[in-house]
Amino acid sequence: MRGGLLAVGLSVLCVAAAGCKKEQPAQGVAKQDAAHPLRVGFFPNITHAQALVGNDSGAFQQAVPGVEMKMFNAGPAAMEALTAGSLDASYVGTGPAINTFLKGGRELRVIAVAVDSGAVLVTKTARTPAELKDKTLASPQLGNTQDIALRHWLGQQGLKVNRDVTVTPLSNPDILGLFIHGKLEGAWVPEPWGARMVAEGGGHILLDERQVWPQRRFHTTVLVTTREALEQQREPLKKLLRVHVELTRQWQREPETFIPRVNAAFGKVTGKPLAETILRDAFSRLEPAMDVMPDQLQQAAEHARQLQFIPSSDLSGLVDTSLLEEVLRESPAP
């Protein structure tokens, strides 16, 4: 669901090295034509709910003339495109966003939140942390947001990775298949994969990640851009944020109407919508959001630093909510 921090780091280093050459094509195009249509990345995930509905309904296209919505399957590819100048903004997980900021010259900016929560540790037989000893767990990708959460939590339980518990990075579909066939004890996954492991694999939610965060909230999906795009594409980005805010409010006000729209859009881009029971279970742990909690991002970065996935947890300059604040002032909540 989200890209691995190590993979993003490698790709960003390559992009950063290429960026030292003035003839680098992607950067050159962005600088020559500051008025190019806004290019926005998103993933075919229900944790990108506003992006799915906004794209499927045409709301983004109506509000931002010429906008180009580009679909990605992993955080590293989207963040590489953003850093290279072929994207202006993207919905993405916090892990890739933090990693790109720290390893990509501190140019990335988080301008809003989209979704909070929605990650769980699902197990087959274990009902306590101690019962995980000598078992094999999975995470979606080495160094990604859920992988870091799992490794940090295991450490807090006194369990050492690859000594007491084996942690294997696998794609979410592979995790589900192996879990169903009894090849894994469990996995720390984002929704809807947690709901699917419960419904299709007879799993048990050992831990809802909300339990380990203050106020039971943690950012799952954020909306990011770059410092350069904020300067050159400020008005189109503001129009994008207006739609994002309105879609978030629709989700908050009318979840019974909004959630089926997410599933319909999800079905169009993946070929199959989620079963109703899985959809409802997954969305029971997802929360619409807009406001950024810098302390939460800081804590997530510190966990990654402690696990040696990133060299620093200094996120000064990462958050810029000036555009969001403008939109909220102009369109206060009813």
C-alpha atoms as a PDB file:
ATOM      1  CA  MET A   1       0.000   0.000   0.000  1.00  0.00           C
ATOM      2  CA  ARG A   2       2.758   2.347   0.819  1.00  0.00           C
ATOM      3  CA  GLY A   3       6.345   2.267  -0.479  1.00  0.00           C
ATOM      4  CA  GLY A   4       9.274   1.124   1.557  1.00  0.00           C
ATOM      5  CA  LEU A   5      11.541   3.754   3.064  1.00  0.00           C
ATOM      6  CA  LEU A   6      14.713   2.079   1.835  1.00  0.00           C
ATOM      7  CA  ALA A   7      13.471   1.864  -1.725  1.00  0.00           C
ATOM      8  CA  VAL A   8      12.427   5.501  -1.676  1.00  0.00           C
ATOM      9  CA  GLY A   9      15.799   6.467  -0.254  1.00  0.00           C
ATOM     10  CA  LEU A  10      17.691   4.792  -3.085  1.00  0.00           C
ATOM     11  CA  SER A  11      15.513   6.310  -5.780  1.00  0.00           C
ATOM     12  CA  VAL A  12      15.637   9.761  -4.217  1.00  0.00           C
ATOM     13  CA  LEU A  13      19.417   9.654  -3.994  1.00  0.00           C
ATOM     14  CA  CYS A  14      19.564   8.861  -7.720  1.00  0.00           C
ATOM     15  CA  VAL A  15      17.173  11.699  -8.510  1.00  0.00           C
ATOM     16  CA  ALA A  16      19.071  14.081  -6.272  1.00  0.00           C
ATOM     17  CA  ALA A  17      22.296  13.199  -8.042  1.00  0.00           C
ATOM     18  CA  ALA A  18      20.713  13.798 -11.448  1.00  0.00           C
ATOM     19  CA  GLY A  19      19.276  17.066 -10.207  1.00  0.00           C
ATOM     20  CA  CYS A  20      22.782  18.475  -9.908  1.00  0.00           C
ATOM     21  CA  LYS A  21      22.915  18.630 -13.709  1.00  0.00           C
ATOM     22  CA  LYS A  22      21.060  21.625 -15.114  1.00  0.00           C
ATOM     23  CA  GLU A  23      20.038  19.757 -18.241  1.00  0.00           C
ATOM     24  CA  GLN A  24      17.998  17.197 -16.289  1.00  0.00           C
ATOM     25  CA  PRO A  25      14.808  16.973 -18.438  1.00  0.00           C
ATOM     26  CA  ALA A  26      12.057  16.714 -15.825  1.00  0.00           C
ATOM     27  CA  GLN A  27      13.345  19.692 -13.856  1.00  0.00           C
ATOM     28  CA  GLY A  28      13.879  21.705 -17.001  1.00  0.00           C
ATOM     29  CA  VAL A  29      10.276  21.227 -18.135  1.00  0.00           C
ATOM     30  CA  ALA A  30       8.920  22.311 -14.780  1.00  0.00           C
ATOM     31  CA  LYS A  31      11.043  25.460 -14.733  1.00  0.00           C
ATOM     32  CA  GLN A  32      10.323  26.455 -18.338  1.00  0.00           C
ATOM     33  CA  ASP A  33       6.552  26.197 -18.030  1.00  0.00           C
ATOM     34  CA  ALA A  34       5.327  27.254 -14.618  1.00  0.00           C
ATOM     35  CA  ALA A  35       1.756  27.226 -15.995  1.00  0.00           C
ATOM     36  CA  HIS A  36       1.649  23.532 -16.972  1.00  0.00           C
ATOM     37  CA  PRO A  37      -1.507  21.695 -15.845  1.00  0.00           C
ATOM     38  CA  LEU A  38      -1.412  20.482 -12.279  1.00  0.00           C
ATOM     39  CA  ARG A  39      -0.289  16.845 -12.070  1.00  0.00           C
ATOM     40  CA  VAL A  40      -1.564  14.886  -9.069  1.00  0.00           C
ATOM     41  CA  GLY A  41      -0.676  11.364  -7.963  1.00  0.00           C
ATOM     42  CA  PHE A  42      -2.913   8.916  -6.116  1.00  0.00           C
ATOM     43  CA  PHE A  43      -3.137   5.170  -5.470  1.00  0.00           C
ATOM     44  CA  PRO A  44      -5.934   2.627  -6.085  1.00  0.00           C
ATOM     45  CA  ASN A  45      -6.418   2.267  -2.322  1.00  0.00           C
ATOM     46  CA  ILE A  46      -9.446   3.008  -0.146  1.00  0.00           C
ATOM     47  CA  THR A  47      -7.062   4.923   2.119  1.00  0.00           C
ATOM     48  CA  HIS A  48      -6.953   7.429  -0.777  1.00  0.00           C
ATOM     49  CA  ALA A  49     -10.728   7.825  -0.552  1.00  0.00           C
ATOM     50  CA  GLN A  50     -11.005  11.509  -1.493  1.00  0.00           C
ATOM     51  CA  ALA A  51      -8.680  11.043  -4.458  1.00  0.00           C
ATOM     52  CA  LEU A  52     -10.695   8.077  -5.753  1.00  0.00           C
ATOM     53  CA  VAL A  53     -14.022   9.907  -5.518  1.00  0.00           C
ATOM     54  CA  GLY A  54     -12.646  13.228  -6.749  1.00  0.00           C
ATOM     55  CA  ASN A  55     -11.145  11.604  -9.823  1.00  0.00           C
ATOM     56  CA  ASP A  56     -14.082   9.304 -10.589  1.00  0.00           C
ATOM     57  CA  SER A  57     -16.714  12.038 -10.199  1.00  0.00           C
ATOM     58  CA  GLY A  58     -14.763  14.605 -12.191  1.00  0.00           C
ATOM     59  CA  ALA A  59     -14.694  17.003  -9.242  1.00  0.00           C
ATOM     60  CA  PHE A  60     -10.951  17.605  -9.563  1.00  0.00           C
ATOM     61  CA  GLN A  61     -11.199  18.055 -13.319  1.00  0.00           C
ATOM     62  CA  GLN A  62     -14.011  20.616 -12.962  1.00  0.00           C
ATOM     63  CA  ALA A  63     -12.255  22.645 -10.286  1.00  0.00           C
ATOM     64  CA  VAL A  64      -8.721  22.523 -11.713  1.00  0.00           C
ATOM     65  CA  PRO A  65      -8.789  22.958 -15.515  1.00  0.00           C
ATOM     66  CA  GLY A  66      -6.432  20.569 -17.264  1.00  0.00           C
ATOM     67  CA  VAL A  67      -5.528  18.664 -14.099  1.00  0.00           C
ATOM     68  CA  GLU A  68      -3.787  15.356 -14.785  1.00  0.00           C
ATOM     69  CA  MET A  69      -4.572  12.586 -12.296  1.00  0.00           C
ATOM     70  CA  LYS A  70      -1.827   9.946 -12.332  1.00  0.00           C
ATOM     71  CA  MET A  71      -2.241   6.595 -10.612  1.00  0.00           C
ATOM     72  CA  PHE A  72       0.662   4.878  -8.840  1.00  0.00           C
ATOM     73  CA  ASN A  73       0.877   1.562  -7.025  1.00  0.00           C
ATOM     74  CA  ALA A  74       3.574   2.408  -4.479  1.00  0.00           C
ATOM     75  CA  GLY A  75       4.958   5.367  -2.570  1.00  0.00           C
ATOM     76  CA  PRO A  76       8.528   5.211  -3.938  1.00  0.00           C
ATOM     77  CA  ALA A  77       7.428   5.692  -7.553  1.00  0.00           C
ATOM     78  CA  ALA A  78       5.122   8.603  -6.694  1.00  0.00           C
ATOM     79  CA  MET A  79       7.741  10.330  -4.558  1.00  0.00           C
ATOM     80  CA  GLU A  80      10.392   9.858  -7.226  1.00  0.00           C
ATOM     81  CA  ALA A  81       8.060  11.499  -9.757  1.00  0.00           C
ATOM     82  CA  LEU A  82       7.383  14.368  -7.349  1.00  0.00           C
ATOM     83  CA  THR A  83      11.072  14.923  -6.688  1.00  0.00           C
ATOM     84  CA  ALA A  84      11.914  14.729 -10.399  1.00  0.00           C
ATOM     85  CA  GLY A  85       9.327  17.362 -11.277  1.00  0.00           C
ATOM     86  CA  SER A  86       6.869  15.183 -13.192  1.00  0.00           C
ATOM     87  CA  LEU A  87       4.261  15.460 -10.401  1.00  0.00           C
ATOM     88  CA  ASP A  88       3.153  18.594  -8.560  1.00  0.00           C
ATOM     89  CA  ALA A  89       1.255  16.939  -5.703  1.00  0.00           C
ATOM     90  CA  SER A  90       0.336  13.476  -4.492  1.00  0.00           C
ATOM     91  CA  TYR A  91      -1.673  11.539  -1.959  1.00  0.00           C
ATOM     92  CA  VAL A  92       0.818   9.265  -0.169  1.00  0.00           C
ATOM     93  CA  GLY A  93       1.568   7.501   3.108  1.00  0.00           C
ATOM     94  CA  THR A  94       3.490   9.247   5.861  1.00  0.00           C
ATOM     95  CA  GLY A  95       6.498   6.913   5.642  1.00  0.00           C
ATOM     96  CA  PRO A  96       7.449   7.737   2.046  1.00  0.00           C
ATOM     97  CA  ALA A  97       6.678  11.422   2.641  1.00  0.00           C
ATOM     98  CA  ILE A  98       8.986  11.664   5.658  1.00  0.00           C
ATOM     99  CA  ASN A  99      11.726   9.686   3.965  1.00  0.00           C
ATOM    100  CA  THR A 100      11.592  11.804   0.802  1.00  0.00           C
ATOM    101  CA  PHE A 101      11.747  15.002   2.828  1.00  0.00           C
ATOM    102  CA  LEU A 102      14.806  13.850   4.773  1.00  0.00           C
ATOM    103  CA  LYS A 103      16.675  12.308   1.849  1.00  0.00           C
ATOM    104  CA  GLY A 104      15.513  14.569  -0.982  1.00  0.00           C
ATOM    105  CA  GLY A 105      16.866  17.932   0.063  1.00  0.00           C
ATOM    106  CA  ARG A 106      13.978  18.810   2.411  1.00  0.00           C
ATOM    107  CA  GLU A 107      11.910  20.094  -0.543  1.00  0.00           C
ATOM    108  CA  LEU A 108       8.710  18.099   0.097  1.00  0.00           C
ATOM    109  CA  ARG A 109       5.814  19.761   1.935  1.00  0.00           C
ATOM    110  CA  VAL A 110       2.817  18.183   3.683  1.00  0.00           C
ATOM    111  CA  ILE A 111      -0.111  20.522   2.973  1.00  0.00           C
ATOM    112  CA  ALA A 112      -3.044  18.512   4.360  1.00  0.00           C
ATOM    113  CA  VAL A 113      -4.104  15.148   5.758  1.00  0.00           C
ATOM    114  CA  ALA A 114      -6.593  12.887   3.991  1.00  0.00           C
ATOM    115  CA  VAL A 115      -7.098   9.793   6.165  1.00  0.00           C
ATOM    116  CA  ASP A 116      -6.291   8.833   9.733  1.00  0.00           C
ATOM    117  CA  SER A 117      -5.928   5.364  11.256  1.00  0.00           C
ATOM    118  CA  GLY A 118      -6.794   2.102   9.521  1.00  0.00           C
ATOM    119  CA  ALA A 119      -3.950  -0.324  10.289  1.00  0.00           C
ATOM    120  CA  VAL A 120      -4.130  -3.511  12.354  1.00  0.00           C
ATOM    121  CA  LEU A 121      -2.084  -6.494  13.499  1.00  0.00           C
ATOM    122  CA  VAL A 122      -4.100  -9.576  12.528  1.00  0.00           C
ATOM    123  CA  THR A 123      -3.088 -13.012  13.843  1.00  0.00           C
ATOM    124  CA  LYS A 124      -4.176 -16.592  13.293  1.00  0.00           C
ATOM    125  CA  THR A 125      -3.688 -18.123  16.759  1.00  0.00           C
ATOM    126  CA  ALA A 126      -1.860 -15.623  18.975  1.00  0.00           C
ATOM    127  CA  ARG A 127      -3.982 -13.723  21.457  1.00  0.00           C
ATOM    128  CA  THR A 128      -1.165 -12.036  23.392  1.00  0.00           C
ATOM    129  CA  PRO A 129       2.207 -10.557  22.365  1.00  0.00           C
ATOM    130  CA  ALA A 130       4.014 -13.374  24.182  1.00  0.00           C
ATOM    131  CA  GLU A 131       2.319 -15.932  21.943  1.00  0.00           C
ATOM    132  CA  LEU A 132       4.052 -14.388  18.912  1.00  0.00           C
ATOM    133  CA  LYS A 133       7.399 -15.812  20.017  1.00  0.00           C
ATOM    134  CA  ASP A 134       8.953 -18.088  17.366  1.00  0.00           C
ATOM    135  CA  LYS A 135       6.204 -17.150  14.885  1.00  0.00           C
ATOM    136  CA  THR A 136       6.444 -15.479  11.457  1.00  0.00           C
ATOM    137  CA  LEU A 137       4.736 -12.162  10.816  1.00  0.00           C
ATOM    138  CA  ALA A 138       4.605 -10.085   7.656  1.00  0.00           C
ATOM    139  CA  SER A 139       4.514  -6.405   6.724  1.00  0.00           C
ATOM    140  CA  PRO A 140       3.739  -4.843   3.318  1.00  0.00           C
ATOM    141  CA  GLN A 141       7.286  -3.706   2.543  1.00  0.00           C
ATOM    142  CA  LEU A 142      10.622  -3.354   4.316  1.00  0.00           C
ATOM    143  CA  GLY A 143      10.770   0.046   5.973  1.00  0.00           C
ATOM    144  CA  ASN A 144       7.263   1.131   5.015  1.00  0.00           C
ATOM    145  CA  THR A 145       4.854   2.702   7.508  1.00  0.00           C
ATOM    146  CA  GLN A 146       3.348  -0.555   8.778  1.00  0.00           C
ATOM    147  CA  ASP A 147       6.724  -2.313   8.836  1.00  0.00           C
ATOM    148  CA  ILE A 148       8.137   0.384  11.111  1.00  0.00           C
ATOM    149  CA  ALA A 149       5.041   0.283  13.318  1.00  0.00           C
ATOM    150  CA  LEU A 150       5.334  -3.506  13.682  1.00  0.00           C
ATOM    151  CA  ARG A 151       9.061  -3.526  14.436  1.00  0.00           C
ATOM    152  CA  HIS A 152       8.746  -0.683  16.947  1.00  0.00           C
ATOM    153  CA  TRP A 153       5.814  -2.344  18.718  1.00  0.00           C
ATOM    154  CA  LEU A 154       7.584  -5.723  18.906  1.00  0.00           C
ATOM    155  CA  GLY A 155      10.534  -3.995  20.550  1.00  0.00           C
ATOM    156  CA  GLN A 156       8.206  -2.455  23.114  1.00  0.00           C
ATOM    157  CA  GLN A 157       6.915  -5.950  23.891  1.00  0.00           C
ATOM    158  CA  GLY A 158      10.462  -7.188  24.498  1.00  0.00           C
ATOM    159  CA  LEU A 159      10.488  -9.242  21.295  1.00  0.00           C
ATOM    160  CA  LYS A 160      13.536  -9.008  19.046  1.00  0.00           C
ATOM    161  CA  VAL A 161      12.978  -9.162  15.309  1.00  0.00           C
ATOM    162  CA  ASN A 162      14.553 -12.195  13.632  1.00  0.00           C
ATOM    163  CA  ARG A 163      15.510 -13.670  16.989  1.00  0.00           C
ATOM    164  CA  ASP A 164      12.189 -13.991  18.790  1.00  0.00           C
ATOM    165  CA  VAL A 165       9.872 -13.165  15.892  1.00  0.00           C
ATOM    166  CA  THR A 166      10.516 -13.369  12.138  1.00  0.00           C
ATOM    167  CA  VAL A 167       9.261 -10.384  10.141  1.00  0.00           C
ATOM    168  CA  THR A 168       8.945 -10.962   6.396  1.00  0.00           C
ATOM    169  CA  PRO A 169       8.166  -8.116   3.943  1.00  0.00           C
ATOM    170  CA  LEU A 170       5.537  -9.222   1.393  1.00  0.00           C
ATOM    171  CA  SER A 171       3.000  -7.553  -0.868  1.00  0.00           C
ATOM    172  CA  ASN A 172      -0.484  -7.233   0.616  1.00  0.00           C
ATOM    173  CA  PRO A 173      -2.029  -9.781  -1.805  1.00  0.00           C
ATOM    174  CA  ASP A 174       0.734 -12.278  -0.962  1.00  0.00           C
ATOM    175  CA  ILE A 175       0.179 -11.688   2.748  1.00  0.00           C
ATOM    176  CA  LEU A 176      -3.513 -12.475   2.389  1.00  0.00           C
ATOM    177  CA  GLY A 177      -2.901 -15.624   0.339  1.00  0.00           C
ATOM    178  CA  LEU A 178      -0.275 -17.031   2.695  1.00  0.00           C
ATOM    179  CA  PHE A 179      -2.380 -16.177   5.733  1.00  0.00           C
ATOM    180  CA  ILE A 180      -5.419 -17.948   4.306  1.00  0.00           C
ATOM    181  CA  HIS A 181      -3.299 -21.067   3.696  1.00  0.00           C
ATOM    182  CA  GLY A 182      -1.794 -21.013   7.199  1.00  0.00           C
ATOM    183  CA  LYS A 183       1.737 -20.045   6.114  1.00  0.00           C
ATOM    184  CA  LEU A 184       1.841 -16.915   8.285  1.00  0.00           C
ATOM    185  CA  GLU A 185       0.884 -16.313  11.892  1.00  0.00           C
ATOM    186  CA  GLY A 186      -0.149 -12.776  11.074  1.00  0.00           C
ATOM    187  CA  ALA A 187       0.675  -9.387   9.642  1.00  0.00           C
ATOM    188  CA  TRP A 188       0.515  -5.654  10.355  1.00  0.00           C
ATOM    189  CA  VAL A 189      -1.430  -4.277   7.387  1.00  0.00           C
ATOM    190  CA  PRO A 190      -3.480  -1.273   6.274  1.00  0.00           C
ATOM    191  CA  GLU A 191      -7.139  -1.512   5.375  1.00  0.00           C
ATOM    192  CA  PRO A 192      -8.877  -3.155   3.631  1.00  0.00           C
ATOM    193  CA  TRP A 193      -6.302  -5.938   4.019  1.00  0.00           C
ATOM    194  CA  GLY A 194      -6.928  -6.263   7.750  1.00  0.00           C
ATOM    195  CA  ALA A 195     -10.656  -6.657   7.174  1.00  0.00           C
ATOM    196  CA  ARG A 196      -9.964  -9.180   4.407  1.00  0.00           C
ATOM    197  CA  MET A 197      -7.647 -11.247   6.641  1.00  0.00           C
ATOM    198  CA  VAL A 198     -10.412 -11.396   9.237  1.00  0.00           C
ATOM    199  CA  ALA A 199     -13.240 -12.177   6.798  1.00  0.00           C
ATOM    200  CA  GLU A 200     -11.429 -14.474   4.369  1.00  0.00           C
ATOM    201  CA  GLY A 201      -8.714 -15.967   6.554  1.00  0.00           C
ATOM    202  CA  GLY A 202     -10.419 -16.337   9.929  1.00  0.00           C
ATOM    203  CA  GLY A 203      -8.045 -13.837  11.505  1.00  0.00           C
ATOM    204  CA  HIS A 204      -8.196 -12.097  14.863  1.00  0.00           C
ATOM    205  CA  ILE A 205      -7.288  -8.435  15.405  1.00  0.00           C
ATOM    206  CA  LEU A 206      -4.603  -8.642  18.069  1.00  0.00           C
ATOM    207  CA  LEU A 207      -3.954  -4.910  17.931  1.00  0.00           C
ATOM    208  CA  ASP A 208      -5.675  -1.930  16.339  1.00  0.00           C
ATOM    209  CA  GLU A 209      -2.856   0.575  15.778  1.00  0.00           C
ATOM    210  CA  ARG A 210      -5.047   3.352  17.188  1.00  0.00           C
ATOM    211  CA  GLN A 211      -4.398   1.822  20.610  1.00  0.00           C
ATOM    212  CA  VAL A 212      -0.731   2.896  20.572  1.00  0.00           C
ATOM    213  CA  TRP A 213      -1.264   6.545  19.536  1.00  0.00           C
ATOM    214  CA  PRO A 214      -2.400   9.528  21.633  1.00  0.00           C
ATOM    215  CA  GLN A 215      -6.050  10.405  20.969  1.00  0.00           C
ATOM    216  CA  ARG A 216      -6.242   7.106  19.005  1.00  0.00           C
ATOM    217  CA  ARG A 217      -5.207   8.962  15.843  1.00  0.00           C
ATOM    218  CA  PHE A 218      -2.335   8.561  13.420  1.00  0.00           C
ATOM    219  CA  HIS A 219      -1.991   9.826   9.875  1.00  0.00           C
ATOM    220  CA  THR A 220      -2.375   7.181   7.174  1.00  0.00           C
ATOM    221  CA  THR A 221      -2.562   9.312   4.011  1.00  0.00           C
ATOM    222  CA  VAL A 222      -1.332  12.864   3.536  1.00  0.00           C
ATOM    223  CA  LEU A 223      -1.451  15.286   0.612  1.00  0.00           C
ATOM    224  CA  VAL A 224       2.023  16.513  -0.325  1.00  0.00           C
ATOM    225  CA  THR A 225       3.637  18.884  -2.793  1.00  0.00           C
ATOM    226  CA  THR A 226       7.032  20.571  -3.149  1.00  0.00           C
ATOM    227  CA  ARG A 227       8.365  23.976  -2.188  1.00  0.00           C
ATOM    228  CA  GLU A 228       8.731  24.828  -5.886  1.00  0.00           C
ATOM    229  CA  ALA A 229       5.161  23.796  -6.718  1.00  0.00           C
ATOM    230  CA  LEU A 230       3.834  25.929  -3.844  1.00  0.00           C
ATOM    231  CA  GLU A 231       5.545  28.900  -5.449  1.00  0.00           C
ATOM    232  CA  GLN A 232       4.709  28.184  -9.102  1.00  0.00           C
ATOM    233  CA  GLN A 233       1.354  26.379  -8.864  1.00  0.00           C
ATOM    234  CA  ARG A 234      -0.180  27.963  -5.779  1.00  0.00           C
ATOM    235  CA  GLU A 235      -3.597  28.778  -7.261  1.00  0.00           C
ATOM    236  CA  PRO A 236      -4.148  25.349  -8.892  1.00  0.00           C
ATOM    237  CA  LEU A 237      -3.062  23.698  -5.638  1.00  0.00           C
ATOM    238  CA  LYS A 238      -5.538  25.873  -3.746  1.00  0.00           C
ATOM    239  CA  LYS A 239      -8.329  24.763  -6.099  1.00  0.00           C
ATOM    240  CA  LEU A 240      -7.295  21.145  -5.523  1.00  0.00           C
ATOM    241  CA  LEU A 241      -7.454  21.671  -1.779  1.00  0.00           C
ATOM    242  CA  ARG A 242     -10.946  23.175  -2.032  1.00  0.00           C
ATOM    243  CA  VAL A 243     -12.170  19.932  -3.608  1.00  0.00           C
ATOM    244  CA  HIS A 244     -10.239  17.872  -1.056  1.00  0.00           C
ATOM    245  CA  VAL A 245     -11.838  19.786   1.806  1.00  0.00           C
ATOM    246  CA  GLU A 246     -15.340  19.434   0.353  1.00  0.00           C
ATOM    247  CA  LEU A 247     -14.926  15.682  -0.222  1.00  0.00           C
ATOM    248  CA  THR A 248     -13.590  15.247   3.313  1.00  0.00           C
ATOM    249  CA  ARG A 249     -16.597  17.103   4.695  1.00  0.00           C
ATOM    250  CA  GLN A 250     -18.936  14.929   2.633  1.00  0.00           C
ATOM    251  CA  TRP A 251     -17.324  11.854   4.177  1.00  0.00           C
ATOM    252  CA  GLN A 252     -17.670  13.359   7.649  1.00  0.00           C
ATOM    253  CA  ARG A 253     -21.303  14.419   7.151  1.00  0.00           C
ATOM    254  CA  GLU A 254     -22.650  11.562   5.051  1.00  0.00           C
ATOM    255  CA  PRO A 255     -20.494   8.427   5.415  1.00  0.00           C
ATOM    256  CA  GLU A 256     -23.373   6.177   4.327  1.00  0.00           C
ATOM    257  CA  THR A 257     -23.402   7.941   0.963  1.00  0.00           C
ATOM    258  CA  PHE A 258     -19.707   8.619   0.593  1.00  0.00           C
ATOM    259  CA  ILE A 259     -18.337   5.147   1.374  1.00  0.00           C
ATOM    260  CA  PRO A 260     -20.234   3.388  -1.470  1.00  0.00           C
ATOM    261  CA  ARG A 261     -18.864   6.059  -3.826  1.00  0.00           C
ATOM    262  CA  VAL A 262     -15.358   5.171  -2.700  1.00  0.00           C
ATOM    263  CA  ASN A 263     -16.030   1.492  -3.310  1.00  0.00           C
ATOM    264  CA  ALA A 264     -17.492   2.147  -6.762  1.00  0.00           C
ATOM    265  CA  ALA A 265     -14.439   4.191  -7.736  1.00  0.00           C
ATOM    266  CA  PHE A 266     -12.152   1.551  -6.222  1.00  0.00           C
ATOM    267  CA  GLY A 267     -13.895  -1.135  -8.264  1.00  0.00           C
ATOM    268  CA  LYS A 268     -13.383   0.813 -11.487  1.00  0.00           C
ATOM    269  CA  VAL A 269      -9.615   1.135 -11.037  1.00  0.00           C
ATOM    270  CA  THR A 270      -9.010  -2.359  -9.623  1.00  0.00           C
ATOM    271  CA  GLY A 271     -11.643  -4.337 -11.529  1.00  0.00           C
ATOM    272  CA  LYS A 272     -13.563  -5.481  -8.442  1.00  0.00           C
ATOM    273  CA  PRO A 273     -15.245  -3.575  -5.592  1.00  0.00           C
ATOM    274  CA  LEU A 274     -14.980  -4.811  -2.032  1.00  0.00           C
ATOM    275  CA  ALA A 275     -17.659  -7.029  -0.532  1.00  0.00           C
ATOM    276  CA  GLU A 276     -20.076  -5.020   1.598  1.00  0.00           C
ATOM    277  CA  THR A 277     -19.090  -6.673   4.897  1.00  0.00           C
ATOM    278  CA  ILE A 278     -15.376  -6.099   4.254  1.00  0.00           C
ATOM    279  CA  LEU A 279     -15.997  -2.516   3.133  1.00  0.00           C
ATOM    280  CA  ARG A 280     -17.919  -1.664   6.296  1.00  0.00           C
ATOM    281  CA  ASP A 281     -15.416  -3.350   8.586  1.00  0.00           C
ATOM    282  CA  ALA A 282     -12.471  -1.598   6.921  1.00  0.00           C
ATOM    283  CA  PHE A 283     -14.107   1.838   7.055  1.00  0.00           C
ATOM    284  CA  SER A 284     -14.974   1.364  10.731  1.00  0.00           C
ATOM    285  CA  ARG A 285     -11.246   1.918  11.360  1.00  0.00           C
ATOM    286  CA  LEU A 286     -10.671   4.705   8.805  1.00  0.00           C
ATOM    287  CA  GLU A 287     -11.294   8.342   9.652  1.00  0.00           C
ATOM    288  CA  PRO A 288     -11.536  11.348   7.290  1.00  0.00           C
ATOM    289  CA  ALA A 289      -9.076  14.074   8.193  1.00  0.00           C
ATOM    290  CA  MET A 290      -7.640  17.410   7.048  1.00  0.00           C
ATOM    291  CA  ASP A 291      -5.600  18.921   9.881  1.00  0.00           C
ATOM    292  CA  VAL A 292      -1.937  17.977  10.220  1.00  0.00           C
ATOM    293  CA  MET A 293      -0.594  16.837  13.587  1.00  0.00           C
ATOM    294  CA  PRO A 294       3.137  17.686  13.427  1.00  0.00           C
ATOM    295  CA  ASP A 295       3.806  15.864  16.701  1.00  0.00           C
ATOM    296  CA  GLN A 296       2.417  12.644  15.218  1.00  0.00           C
ATOM    297  CA  LEU A 297       4.663  12.947  12.155  1.00  0.00           C
ATOM    298  CA  GLN A 298       7.599  13.676  14.441  1.00  0.00           C
ATOM    299  CA  GLN A 299       6.926  10.562  16.509  1.00  0.00           C
ATOM    300  CA  ALA A 300       6.664   8.412  13.382  1.00  0.00           C
ATOM    301  CA  ALA A 301       9.996   9.793  12.174  1.00  0.00           C
ATOM    302  CA  GLU A 302      11.607   9.083  15.528  1.00  0.00           C
ATOM    303  CA  HIS A 303      10.470   5.451  15.373  1.00  0.00           C
ATOM    304  CA  ALA A 304      12.042   5.118  11.915  1.00  0.00           C
ATOM    305  CA  ARG A 305      15.274   6.735  13.134  1.00  0.00           C
ATOM    306  CA  GLN A 306      15.487   4.404  16.125  1.00  0.00           C
ATOM    307  CA  LEU A 307      15.173   1.470  13.725  1.00  0.00           C
ATOM    308  CA  GLN A 308      17.921   3.030  11.543  1.00  0.00           C
ATOM    309  CA  PHE A 309      15.746   3.451   8.448  1.00  0.00           C
ATOM    310  CA  ILE A 310      16.458   7.189   8.317  1.00  0.00           C
ATOM    311  CA  PRO A 311      19.489   9.152   9.572  1.00  0.00           C
ATOM    312  CA  SER A 312      17.571  11.953  11.279  1.00  0.00           C
ATOM    313  CA  SER A 313      14.127  12.735  12.657  1.00  0.00           C
ATOM    314  CA  ASP A 314      14.394  16.515  12.191  1.00  0.00           C
ATOM    315  CA  LEU A 315      11.221  17.427  10.274  1.00  0.00           C
ATOM    316  CA  SER A 316      11.478  21.219  10.555  1.00  0.00           C
ATOM    317  CA  GLY A 317      10.010  22.700   7.383  1.00  0.00           C
ATOM    318  CA  LEU A 318       8.030  19.600   6.381  1.00  0.00           C
ATOM    319  CA  VAL A 319       4.553  20.951   7.178  1.00  0.00           C
ATOM    320  CA  ASP A 320       3.088  23.943   5.342  1.00  0.00           C
ATOM    321  CA  THR A 321      -0.648  24.350   5.940  1.00  0.00           C
ATOM    322  CA  SER A 322      -0.898  27.958   4.720  1.00  0.00           C
ATOM    323  CA  LEU A 323      -2.988  26.979   1.680  1.00  0.00           C
ATOM    324  CA  LEU A 324      -5.291  24.763   3.745  1.00  0.00           C
ATOM    325  CA  GLU A 325      -5.795  27.586   6.234  1.00  0.00           C
ATOM    326  CA  GLU A 326      -6.741  29.946   3.376  1.00  0.00           C
ATOM    327  CA  VAL A 327      -9.286  27.464   2.045  1.00  0.00           C
ATOM    328  CA  LEU A 328     -10.808  26.876   5.488  1.00  0.00           C
ATOM    329  CA  ARG A 329     -11.082  30.626   6.115  1.00  0.00           C
ATOM    330  CA  GLU A 330     -12.818  31.142   2.770  1.00  0.00           C
ATOM    331  CA  SER A 331     -15.097  28.103   3.206  1.00  0.00           C
ATOM    332  CA  PRO A 332     -15.767  27.612   6.919  1.00  0.00           C
ATOM    333  CA  ALA A 333     -17.505  24.440   7.966  1.00  0.00           C
ATOM    334  CA  PRO A 334     -21.303  24.818   8.075  1.00  0.00           C
END
